[in-house]
Amino acid sequence: MIDFNNSAIFKLKPIAESNIREDLHQFLIDGEEILAAFKTIRDQVVFTNKRVIAANVQGITGSKVDYTSLPFSKVQAFSVETSGTLDLDCEIELYLSEVGKVKFEIRGSFDLLRFNRVISQYVLA
């Protein structure tokens, strides 16, 4: 499982759905839709209408990948922090039973307030 306490892993930039790793598409089940996608240099995080899927590329060659699936049904609470005047990063924190806090720091242009409504729709359902 990915070490979510190491926040350096999850300093993310938004990406288009067309830039998502092909193997992540194979994890989706019937009725699951991608809502947003992000990347680091090698890793990717995808938010769907059912869960968060994190792909942590490991090793020098990058042929080994750790995939972690965090279902919204296990989210007990969440918070979002918008970017400020000097701090342009925004943050999403999910609190999951058994896992604890998972923090995603997002750099660049991203509509966090709209995404907060999206997360609410699936976590509070």
Protein backbone atom coordinates (compact mmCIF):
# COMPACT_ATOMS: atom_id res chain seq x y z
CA MET A 1 0.00 0.00 0.00
CA ILE A 2 1.15 3.52 -0.73
CA ASP A 3 2.56 5.47 2.23
CA PHE A 4 0.09 8.35 2.35
CA ASN A 5 2.02 9.99 5.19
CA ASN A 6 4.78 10.81 2.68
CA SER A 7 3.14 13.90 1.18
CA ALA A 8 5.95 14.33 -1.34
CA ILE A 9 4.33 11.56 -3.36
CA PHE A 10 1.11 13.49 -3.82
CA LYS A 11 2.08 16.98 -5.03
CA LEU A 12 -0.10 16.75 -8.08
CA LYS A 13 -0.87 18.64 -11.27
CA PRO A 14 -4.23 18.25 -13.06
CA ILE A 15 -4.12 16.30 -16.34
CA ALA A 16 -6.59 15.57 -19.10
CA GLU A 17 -8.35 12.22 -19.12
CA SER A 18 -6.55 11.39 -22.37
CA ASN A 19 -3.22 11.47 -20.46
CA ILE A 20 -4.21 8.87 -17.85
CA ARG A 21 -2.15 5.69 -17.77
CA GLU A 22 -3.86 3.05 -19.90
CA ASP A 23 -3.62 0.46 -17.13
CA LEU A 24 -5.71 2.65 -14.80
CA HIS A 25 -8.64 2.39 -17.21
CA GLN A 26 -8.58 -1.39 -16.69
CA PHE A 27 -9.38 -0.91 -12.98
CA LEU A 28 -12.72 0.77 -13.67
CA ILE A 29 -15.88 -1.26 -13.11
CA ASP A 30 -19.23 -0.92 -14.90
CA GLY A 31 -20.76 2.47 -14.20
CA GLU A 32 -17.52 3.95 -12.86
CA GLU A 33 -16.57 7.29 -14.41
CA ILE A 34 -13.41 9.36 -14.12
CA LEU A 35 -14.08 12.76 -12.52
CA ALA A 36 -10.57 14.19 -12.30
CA ALA A 37 -7.00 13.05 -12.85
CA PHE A 38 -3.66 14.27 -11.54
CA LYS A 39 0.01 13.38 -11.88
CA THR A 40 3.42 13.81 -10.36
CA ILE A 41 6.50 13.10 -12.46
CA ARG A 42 5.69 9.37 -12.65
CA ASP A 43 2.70 8.72 -10.38
CA GLN A 44 -0.98 9.36 -11.08
CA VAL A 45 -4.14 9.76 -9.00
CA VAL A 46 -7.60 9.38 -10.47
CA PHE A 47 -10.83 10.39 -8.73
CA THR A 48 -13.84 8.45 -9.99
CA ASN A 49 -17.48 8.49 -8.93
CA LYS A 50 -16.75 5.49 -6.66
CA ARG A 51 -13.18 5.86 -5.35
CA VAL A 52 -9.70 7.30 -5.62
CA ILE A 53 -7.15 5.16 -7.45
CA ALA A 54 -3.47 5.97 -6.90
CA ALA A 55 -0.73 4.52 -9.12
CA ASN A 56 2.73 4.75 -7.51
CA VAL A 57 5.42 3.92 -10.06
CA GLN A 58 8.38 2.21 -8.40
CA GLY A 59 11.95 1.33 -9.30
CA ILE A 60 14.38 2.73 -11.82
CA THR A 61 12.63 1.26 -14.85
CA GLY A 62 9.13 2.08 -13.67
CA SER A 63 7.88 -1.38 -14.58
CA LYS A 64 6.66 -2.02 -11.03
CA VAL A 65 3.53 -0.08 -10.02
CA ASP A 66 1.68 -0.08 -6.70
CA TYR A 67 -2.06 0.60 -7.10
CA THR A 68 -4.14 1.69 -4.13
CA SER A 69 -7.92 1.99 -4.26
CA LEU A 70 -9.68 4.19 -1.70
CA PRO A 71 -13.47 3.71 -1.89
CA PHE A 72 -15.63 6.74 -1.10
CA SER A 73 -17.81 4.41 1.00
CA LYS A 74 -14.95 4.30 3.57
CA VAL A 75 -14.49 8.09 3.75
CA GLN A 76 -15.63 9.29 7.17
CA ALA A 77 -14.80 12.97 6.64
CA PHE A 78 -13.01 15.17 4.14
CA SER A 79 -11.72 18.70 3.85
CA VAL A 80 -10.62 20.98 1.05
CA GLU A 81 -8.34 23.99 1.28
CA THR A 82 -8.42 26.54 -1.51
CA SER A 83 -5.34 28.29 -2.83
CA GLY A 84 -4.46 31.76 -1.53
CA THR A 85 -2.75 34.84 -2.89
CA LEU A 86 0.79 33.63 -2.18
CA ASP A 87 0.16 29.89 -1.74
CA LEU A 88 -1.18 28.74 -5.10
CA ASP A 89 -1.62 25.10 -4.09
CA CYS A 90 -4.94 23.68 -2.93
CA GLU A 91 -5.43 20.54 -0.84
CA ILE A 92 -7.87 17.69 -0.50
CA GLU A 93 -7.80 15.58 2.66
CA LEU A 94 -9.79 12.37 3.03
CA TYR A 95 -10.19 10.61 6.37
CA LEU A 96 -10.75 6.90 5.87
CA SER A 97 -11.52 4.20 8.39
CA GLU A 98 -8.54 1.84 8.79
CA VAL A 99 -6.20 4.07 6.72
CA GLY A 100 -6.34 7.46 8.42
CA LYS A 101 -5.74 10.77 6.68
CA VAL A 102 -4.85 10.87 2.99
CA LYS A 103 -3.68 14.25 1.70
CA PHE A 104 -3.45 15.39 -1.91
CA GLU A 105 -1.77 18.72 -2.71
CA ILE A 106 -2.77 20.10 -6.10
CA ARG A 107 -0.68 22.62 -7.99
CA GLY A 108 -1.84 24.68 -10.91
CA SER A 109 -5.28 25.69 -12.07
CA PHE A 110 -8.03 23.55 -10.56
CA ASP A 111 -11.61 24.41 -9.56
CA LEU A 112 -11.54 23.00 -6.03
CA LEU A 113 -14.89 24.45 -4.99
CA ARG A 114 -16.68 22.70 -7.86
CA PHE A 115 -14.79 19.51 -7.07
CA ASN A 116 -15.83 19.78 -3.41
CA ARG A 117 -19.46 19.49 -4.58
CA VAL A 118 -18.55 16.45 -6.66
CA ILE A 119 -16.84 14.69 -3.74
CA SER A 120 -19.78 15.58 -1.49
CA GLN A 121 -22.20 13.94 -3.90
CA TYR A 122 -20.42 10.59 -3.66
CA VAL A 123 -19.24 10.63 -0.03
CA LEU A 124 -22.56 11.80 1.41
CA ALA A 125 -24.73 9.52 -0.75
